[in-house]
Amino acid sequence: WKPSSAEAFCKVERLLCGWFGAERSIQSISRNDFRELFHALPRIPSGYTRFKAFHGMPVRQVIEAADAMSEPPCA
């Protein structure tokens, strides 16, 4: 893998584990679970992992915090 491909994979893996839980098996994730994630994706702030305001928060909590803010936080 190129470093950029590996980095992209890690970002997607981190998002999926953050959404579904790292301990959850892939076989237990349903179509409706993915549909819920698909509808939530536009609400996830771009580059949220770089914002101090979201540090250590699970993805669902990041969405709630971002929705509560009037403006996106500064990095």
PDB file of N, CA and C in Angstrom:
ATOM      1  N   TRP A   1       0.825  -1.182   0.000  1.00  0.00           N
ATOM      2  CA  TRP A   1       0.000   0.000   0.000  1.00  0.00           C
ATOM      3  C   TRP A   1       0.863   1.235   0.000  1.00  0.00           C
ATOM      4  N   LYS A   2       0.363   2.232  -0.653  1.00  0.00           N
ATOM      5  CA  LYS A   2       0.994   3.539  -0.557  1.00  0.00           C
ATOM      6  C   LYS A   2       0.619   4.124   0.807  1.00  0.00           C
ATOM      7  N   PRO A   3       1.456   4.975   1.351  1.00  0.00           N
ATOM      8  CA  PRO A   3       1.132   5.577   2.661  1.00  0.00           C
ATOM      9  C   PRO A   3      -0.213   6.299   2.669  1.00  0.00           C
ATOM     10  N   SER A   4      -0.559   6.961   1.579  1.00  0.00           N
ATOM     11  CA  SER A   4      -1.843   7.676   1.541  1.00  0.00           C
ATOM     12  C   SER A   4      -3.024   6.700   1.574  1.00  0.00           C
ATOM     13  N   SER A   5      -2.878   5.537   0.926  1.00  0.00           N
ATOM     14  CA  SER A   5      -3.941   4.527   0.946  1.00  0.00           C
ATOM     15  C   SER A   5      -4.112   3.955   2.343  1.00  0.00           C
ATOM     16  N   ALA A   6      -2.994   3.669   2.997  1.00  0.00           N
ATOM     17  CA  ALA A   6      -3.045   3.143   4.359  1.00  0.00           C
ATOM     18  C   ALA A   6      -3.668   4.158   5.305  1.00  0.00           C
ATOM     19  N   GLU A   7      -3.352   5.419   5.133  1.00  0.00           N
ATOM     20  CA  GLU A   7      -3.914   6.474   5.976  1.00  0.00           C
ATOM     21  C   GLU A   7      -5.426   6.591   5.763  1.00  0.00           C
ATOM     22  N   ALA A   8      -5.863   6.513   4.514  1.00  0.00           N
ATOM     23  CA  ALA A   8      -7.296   6.586   4.204  1.00  0.00           C
ATOM     24  C   ALA A   8      -8.039   5.399   4.812  1.00  0.00           C
ATOM     25  N   PHE A   9      -7.449   4.204   4.718  1.00  0.00           N
ATOM     26  CA  PHE A   9      -8.056   3.015   5.304  1.00  0.00           C
ATOM     27  C   PHE A   9      -8.201   3.184   6.811  1.00  0.00           C
ATOM     28  N   CYS A  10      -7.162   3.689   7.462  1.00  0.00           N
ATOM     29  CA  CYS A  10      -7.202   3.875   8.913  1.00  0.00           C
ATOM     30  C   CYS A  10      -8.281   4.868   9.325  1.00  0.00           C
ATOM     31  N   LYS A  11      -8.474   5.910   8.542  1.00  0.00           N
ATOM     32  CA  LYS A  11      -9.526   6.892   8.846  1.00  0.00           C
ATOM     33  C   LYS A  11     -10.909   6.252   8.757  1.00  0.00           C
ATOM     34  N   VAL A  12     -11.127   5.453   7.728  1.00  0.00           N
ATOM     35  CA  VAL A  12     -12.421   4.788   7.561  1.00  0.00           C
ATOM     36  C   VAL A  12     -12.626   3.767   8.678  1.00  0.00           C
ATOM     37  N   GLU A  13     -11.596   3.014   8.987  1.00  0.00           N
ATOM     38  CA  GLU A  13     -11.686   2.033  10.065  1.00  0.00           C
ATOM     39  C   GLU A  13     -12.010   2.716  11.395  1.00  0.00           C
ATOM     40  N   ARG A  14     -11.355   3.830  11.670  1.00  0.00           N
ATOM     41  CA  ARG A  14     -11.593   4.573  12.911  1.00  0.00           C
ATOM     42  C   ARG A  14     -13.035   5.075  12.964  1.00  0.00           C
ATOM     43  N   LEU A  15     -13.547   5.565  11.846  1.00  0.00           N
ATOM     44  CA  LEU A  15     -14.929   6.037  11.792  1.00  0.00           C
ATOM     45  C   LEU A  15     -15.904   4.892  12.042  1.00  0.00           C
ATOM     46  N   LEU A  16     -15.704   3.767  11.360  1.00  0.00           N
ATOM     47  CA  LEU A  16     -16.616   2.633  11.512  1.00  0.00           C
ATOM     48  C   LEU A  16     -16.567   2.053  12.920  1.00  0.00           C
ATOM     49  N   CYS A  17     -15.386   1.932  13.478  1.00  0.00           N
ATOM     50  CA  CYS A  17     -15.268   1.426  14.848  1.00  0.00           C
ATOM     51  C   CYS A  17     -15.877   2.409  15.844  1.00  0.00           C
ATOM     52  N   GLY A  18     -15.726   3.694  15.571  1.00  0.00           N
ATOM     53  CA  GLY A  18     -16.324   4.695  16.430  1.00  0.00           C
ATOM     54  C   GLY A  18     -17.836   4.706  16.358  1.00  0.00           C
ATOM     55  N   TRP A  19     -18.376   4.378  15.205  1.00  0.00           N
ATOM     56  CA  TRP A  19     -19.831   4.390  15.032  1.00  0.00           C
ATOM     57  C   TRP A  19     -20.469   3.102  15.556  1.00  0.00           C
ATOM     58  N   PHE A  20     -19.917   1.959  15.137  1.00  0.00           N
ATOM     59  CA  PHE A  20     -20.532   0.679  15.485  1.00  0.00           C
ATOM     60  C   PHE A  20     -19.957   0.055  16.754  1.00  0.00           C
ATOM     61  N   GLY A  21     -18.775   0.482  17.157  1.00  0.00           N
ATOM     62  CA  GLY A  21     -18.104  -0.116  18.307  1.00  0.00           C
ATOM     63  C   GLY A  21     -17.058  -1.108  17.836  1.00  0.00           C
ATOM     64  N   ALA A  22     -15.879  -1.011  18.389  1.00  0.00           N
ATOM     65  CA  ALA A  22     -14.762  -1.852  17.951  1.00  0.00           C
ATOM     66  C   ALA A  22     -14.994  -3.329  18.262  1.00  0.00           C
ATOM     67  N   GLU A  23     -15.783  -3.612  19.282  1.00  0.00           N
ATOM     68  CA  GLU A  23     -16.008  -4.999  19.683  1.00  0.00           C
ATOM     69  C   GLU A  23     -17.104  -5.687  18.878  1.00  0.00           C
ATOM     70  N   ARG A  24     -17.834  -4.942  18.079  1.00  0.00           N
ATOM     71  CA  ARG A  24     -18.952  -5.504  17.316  1.00  0.00           C
ATOM     72  C   ARG A  24     -18.443  -6.231  16.077  1.00  0.00           C
ATOM     73  N   SER A  25     -18.966  -7.420  15.832  1.00  0.00           N
ATOM     74  CA  SER A  25     -18.540  -8.176  14.651  1.00  0.00           C
ATOM     75  C   SER A  25     -19.228  -7.633  13.403  1.00  0.00           C
ATOM     76  N   ILE A  26     -18.562  -7.747  12.286  1.00  0.00           N
ATOM     77  CA  ILE A  26     -19.090  -7.239  11.025  1.00  0.00           C
ATOM     78  C   ILE A  26     -20.372  -7.971  10.640  1.00  0.00           C
ATOM     79  N   GLN A  27     -20.495  -9.237  11.015  1.00  0.00           N
ATOM     80  CA  GLN A  27     -21.687 -10.014  10.677  1.00  0.00           C
ATOM     81  C   GLN A  27     -22.930  -9.508  11.411  1.00  0.00           C
ATOM     82  N   SER A  28     -22.743  -8.817  12.523  1.00  0.00           N
ATOM     83  CA  SER A  28     -23.891  -8.349  13.300  1.00  0.00           C
ATOM     84  C   SER A  28     -24.401  -6.984  12.827  1.00  0.00           C
ATOM     85  N   ILE A  29     -23.708  -6.372  11.879  1.00  0.00           N
ATOM     86  CA  ILE A  29     -24.115  -5.055  11.394  1.00  0.00           C
ATOM     87  C   ILE A  29     -25.113  -5.242  10.255  1.00  0.00           C
ATOM     88  N   SER A  30     -26.286  -4.662  10.433  1.00  0.00           N
ATOM     89  CA  SER A  30     -27.365  -4.852   9.458  1.00  0.00           C
ATOM     90  C   SER A  30     -27.379  -3.738   8.409  1.00  0.00           C
ATOM     91  N   ARG A  31     -28.194  -3.936   7.423  1.00  0.00           N
ATOM     92  CA  ARG A  31     -28.394  -2.929   6.382  1.00  0.00           C
ATOM     93  C   ARG A  31     -28.942  -1.639   6.995  1.00  0.00           C
ATOM     94  N   ASN A  32     -29.851  -1.773   7.951  1.00  0.00           N
ATOM     95  CA  ASN A  32     -30.409  -0.598   8.614  1.00  0.00           C
ATOM     96  C   ASN A  32     -29.346   0.155   9.425  1.00  0.00           C
ATOM     97  N   ASP A  33     -28.406  -0.587  10.019  1.00  0.00           N
ATOM     98  CA  ASP A  33     -27.306   0.049  10.747  1.00  0.00           C
ATOM     99  C   ASP A  33     -26.481   0.918   9.797  1.00  0.00           C
ATOM    100  N   PHE A  34     -26.168   0.375   8.624  1.00  0.00           N
ATOM    101  CA  PHE A  34     -25.408   1.149   7.643  1.00  0.00           C
ATOM    102  C   PHE A  34     -26.224   2.311   7.088  1.00  0.00           C
ATOM    103  N   ARG A  35     -27.513   2.117   6.954  1.00  0.00           N
ATOM    104  CA  ARG A  35     -28.377   3.196   6.484  1.00  0.00           C
ATOM    105  C   ARG A  35     -28.357   4.357   7.482  1.00  0.00           C
ATOM    106  N   GLU A  36     -28.388   4.029   8.764  1.00  0.00           N
ATOM    107  CA  GLU A  36     -28.316   5.055   9.808  1.00  0.00           C
ATOM    108  C   GLU A  36     -26.995   5.827   9.710  1.00  0.00           C
ATOM    109  N   LEU A  37     -25.898   5.113   9.512  1.00  0.00           N
ATOM    110  CA  LEU A  37     -24.595   5.763   9.345  1.00  0.00           C
ATOM    111  C   LEU A  37     -24.594   6.628   8.089  1.00  0.00           C
ATOM    112  N   PHE A  38     -25.125   6.122   6.997  1.00  0.00           N
ATOM    113  CA  PHE A  38     -25.158   6.860   5.736  1.00  0.00           C
ATOM    114  C   PHE A  38     -25.865   8.198   5.892  1.00  0.00           C
ATOM    115  N   HIS A  39     -26.966   8.200   6.638  1.00  0.00           N
ATOM    116  CA  HIS A  39     -27.722   9.441   6.847  1.00  0.00           C
ATOM    117  C   HIS A  39     -27.017  10.386   7.818  1.00  0.00           C
ATOM    118  N   ALA A  40     -26.167   9.848   8.677  1.00  0.00           N
ATOM    119  CA  ALA A  40     -25.448  10.678   9.647  1.00  0.00           C
ATOM    120  C   ALA A  40     -24.165  11.269   9.062  1.00  0.00           C
ATOM    121  N   LEU A  41     -23.616  10.674   8.017  1.00  0.00           N
ATOM    122  CA  LEU A  41     -22.333  11.124   7.469  1.00  0.00           C
ATOM    123  C   LEU A  41     -22.272  12.612   7.147  1.00  0.00           C
ATOM    124  N   PRO A  42     -23.292  13.197   6.535  1.00  0.00           N
ATOM    125  CA  PRO A  42     -23.197  14.637   6.239  1.00  0.00           C
ATOM    126  C   PRO A  42     -23.140  15.516   7.490  1.00  0.00           C
ATOM    127  N   ARG A  43     -23.564  14.987   8.625  1.00  0.00           N
ATOM    128  CA  ARG A  43     -23.569  15.771   9.860  1.00  0.00           C
ATOM    129  C   ARG A  43     -22.243  15.676  10.618  1.00  0.00           C
ATOM    130  N   ILE A  44     -21.360  14.770  10.205  1.00  0.00           N
ATOM    131  CA  ILE A  44     -20.066  14.629  10.866  1.00  0.00           C
ATOM    132  C   ILE A  44     -19.152  15.736  10.347  1.00  0.00           C
ATOM    133  N   PRO A  45     -18.615  16.562  11.250  1.00  0.00           N
ATOM    134  CA  PRO A  45     -17.748  17.654  10.802  1.00  0.00           C
ATOM    135  C   PRO A  45     -16.503  17.134  10.085  1.00  0.00           C
ATOM    136  N   SER A  46     -16.177  17.759   8.988  1.00  0.00           N
ATOM    137  CA  SER A  46     -14.985  17.382   8.232  1.00  0.00           C
ATOM    138  C   SER A  46     -13.745  17.603   9.090  1.00  0.00           C
ATOM    139  N   GLY A  47     -12.905  16.592   9.180  1.00  0.00           N
ATOM    140  CA  GLY A  47     -11.675  16.710   9.957  1.00  0.00           C
ATOM    141  C   GLY A  47     -11.904  16.818  11.452  1.00  0.00           C
ATOM    142  N   TYR A  48     -12.986  16.211  11.943  1.00  0.00           N
ATOM    143  CA  TYR A  48     -13.326  16.351  13.359  1.00  0.00           C
ATOM    144  C   TYR A  48     -12.241  15.842  14.296  1.00  0.00           C
ATOM    145  N   THR A  49     -11.410  14.926  13.855  1.00  0.00           N
ATOM    146  CA  THR A  49     -10.359  14.391  14.731  1.00  0.00           C
ATOM    147  C   THR A  49      -9.283  15.421  15.045  1.00  0.00           C
ATOM    148  N   ARG A  50      -9.203  16.487  14.244  1.00  0.00           N
ATOM    149  CA  ARG A  50      -8.195  17.526  14.492  1.00  0.00           C
ATOM    150  C   ARG A  50      -8.674  18.593  15.461  1.00  0.00           C
ATOM    151  N   PHE A  51      -9.970  18.649  15.739  1.00  0.00           N
ATOM    152  CA  PHE A  51     -10.512  19.693  16.603  1.00  0.00           C
ATOM    153  C   PHE A  51     -10.391  19.312  18.070  1.00  0.00           C
ATOM    154  N   LYS A  52      -9.822  20.210  18.858  1.00  0.00           N
ATOM    155  CA  LYS A  52      -9.673  19.958  20.285  1.00  0.00           C
ATOM    156  C   LYS A  52     -11.024  19.786  20.965  1.00  0.00           C
ATOM    157  N   ALA A  53     -12.024  20.495  20.479  1.00  0.00           N
ATOM    158  CA  ALA A  53     -13.357  20.431  21.084  1.00  0.00           C
ATOM    159  C   ALA A  53     -13.955  19.024  21.015  1.00  0.00           C
ATOM    160  N   PHE A  54     -13.534  18.220  20.039  1.00  0.00           N
ATOM    161  CA  PHE A  54     -14.084  16.886  19.853  1.00  0.00           C
ATOM    162  C   PHE A  54     -13.142  15.774  20.316  1.00  0.00           C
ATOM    163  N   HIS A  55     -12.008  16.136  20.866  1.00  0.00           N
ATOM    164  CA  HIS A  55     -10.990  15.144  21.240  1.00  0.00           C
ATOM    165  C   HIS A  55     -11.555  14.121  22.232  1.00  0.00           C
ATOM    166  N   GLY A  56     -11.418  12.864  21.882  1.00  0.00           N
ATOM    167  CA  GLY A  56     -11.838  11.775  22.750  1.00  0.00           C
ATOM    168  C   GLY A  56     -13.323  11.450  22.720  1.00  0.00           C
ATOM    169  N   MET A  57     -14.095  12.170  21.917  1.00  0.00           N
ATOM    170  CA  MET A  57     -15.539  11.916  21.836  1.00  0.00           C
ATOM    171  C   MET A  57     -15.841  10.820  20.827  1.00  0.00           C
ATOM    172  N   PRO A  58     -16.835   9.979  21.119  1.00  0.00           N
ATOM    173  CA  PRO A  58     -17.307   9.042  20.089  1.00  0.00           C
ATOM    174  C   PRO A  58     -17.998   9.820  18.970  1.00  0.00           C
ATOM    175  N   VAL A  59     -18.097   9.223  17.809  1.00  0.00           N
ATOM    176  CA  VAL A  59     -18.618   9.901  16.624  1.00  0.00           C
ATOM    177  C   VAL A  59     -20.030  10.438  16.851  1.00  0.00           C
ATOM    178  N   ARG A  60     -20.884   9.664  17.476  1.00  0.00           N
ATOM    179  CA  ARG A  60     -22.261  10.125  17.711  1.00  0.00           C
ATOM    180  C   ARG A  60     -22.275  11.365  18.599  1.00  0.00           C
ATOM    181  N   GLN A  61     -21.397  11.402  19.579  1.00  0.00           N
ATOM    182  CA  GLN A  61     -21.312  12.560  20.466  1.00  0.00           C
ATOM    183  C   GLN A  61     -20.733  13.768  19.726  1.00  0.00           C
ATOM    184  N   VAL A  62     -19.806  13.528  18.798  1.00  0.00           N
ATOM    185  CA  VAL A  62     -19.260  14.613  17.975  1.00  0.00           C
ATOM    186  C   VAL A  62     -20.384  15.274  17.175  1.00  0.00           C
ATOM    187  N   ILE A  63     -21.264  14.465  16.600  1.00  0.00           N
ATOM    188  CA  ILE A  63     -22.386  14.998  15.823  1.00  0.00           C
ATOM    189  C   ILE A  63     -23.279  15.863  16.712  1.00  0.00           C
ATOM    190  N   GLU A  64     -23.594  15.364  17.901  1.00  0.00           N
ATOM    191  CA  GLU A  64     -24.444  16.127  18.825  1.00  0.00           C
ATOM    192  C   GLU A  64     -23.780  17.443  19.215  1.00  0.00           C
ATOM    193  N   ALA A  65     -22.476  17.388  19.524  1.00  0.00           N
ATOM    194  CA  ALA A  65     -21.752  18.599  19.923  1.00  0.00           C
ATOM    195  C   ALA A  65     -21.678  19.588  18.767  1.00  0.00           C
ATOM    196  N   ALA A  66     -21.436  19.092  17.561  1.00  0.00           N
ATOM    197  CA  ALA A  66     -21.350  19.968  16.392  1.00  0.00           C
ATOM    198  C   ALA A  66     -22.699  20.618  16.102  1.00  0.00           C
ATOM    199  N   ASP A  67     -23.773  19.852  16.273  1.00  0.00           N
ATOM    200  CA  ASP A  67     -25.112  20.405  16.054  1.00  0.00           C
ATOM    201  C   ASP A  67     -25.426  21.501  17.075  1.00  0.00           C
ATOM    202  N   ALA A  68     -24.888  21.364  18.269  1.00  0.00           N
ATOM    203  CA  ALA A  68     -25.158  22.332  19.326  1.00  0.00           C
ATOM    204  C   ALA A  68     -24.355  23.629  19.149  1.00  0.00           C
ATOM    205  N   MET A  69     -23.279  23.560  18.383  1.00  0.00           N
ATOM    206  CA  MET A  69     -22.440  24.741  18.168  1.00  0.00           C
ATOM    207  C   MET A  69     -23.033  25.612  17.060  1.00  0.00           C
ATOM    208  N   SER A  70     -22.899  26.905  17.233  1.00  0.00           N
ATOM    209  CA  SER A  70     -23.402  27.797  16.189  1.00  0.00           C
ATOM    210  C   SER A  70     -22.416  27.911  15.039  1.00  0.00           C
ATOM    211  N   GLU A  71     -21.106  27.780  15.351  1.00  0.00           N
ATOM    212  CA  GLU A  71     -20.058  27.835  14.332  1.00  0.00           C
ATOM    213  C   GLU A  71     -19.119  26.667  14.564  1.00  0.00           C
ATOM    214  N   PRO A  72     -18.494  26.140  13.506  1.00  0.00           N
ATOM    215  CA  PRO A  72     -17.521  25.065  13.692  1.00  0.00           C
ATOM    216  C   PRO A  72     -16.332  25.557  14.509  1.00  0.00           C
ATOM    217  N   PRO A  73     -15.759  24.686  15.319  1.00  0.00           N
ATOM    218  CA  PRO A  73     -14.615  25.092  16.137  1.00  0.00           C
ATOM    219  C   PRO A  73     -13.356  25.288  15.286  1.00  0.00           C
ATOM    220  N   CYS A  74     -12.439  26.045  15.810  1.00  0.00           N
ATOM    221  CA  CYS A  74     -11.146  26.254  15.138  1.00  0.00           C
ATOM    222  C   CYS A  74     -10.205  25.132  15.553  1.00  0.00           C
ATOM    223  N   ALA A  75      -9.351  24.700  14.637  1.00  0.00           N
ATOM    224  CA  ALA A  75      -8.398  23.622  14.919  1.00  0.00           C
ATOM    225  C   ALA A  75      -7.334  24.084  15.870  1.00  0.00           C
TER     226      ALA A  75
END
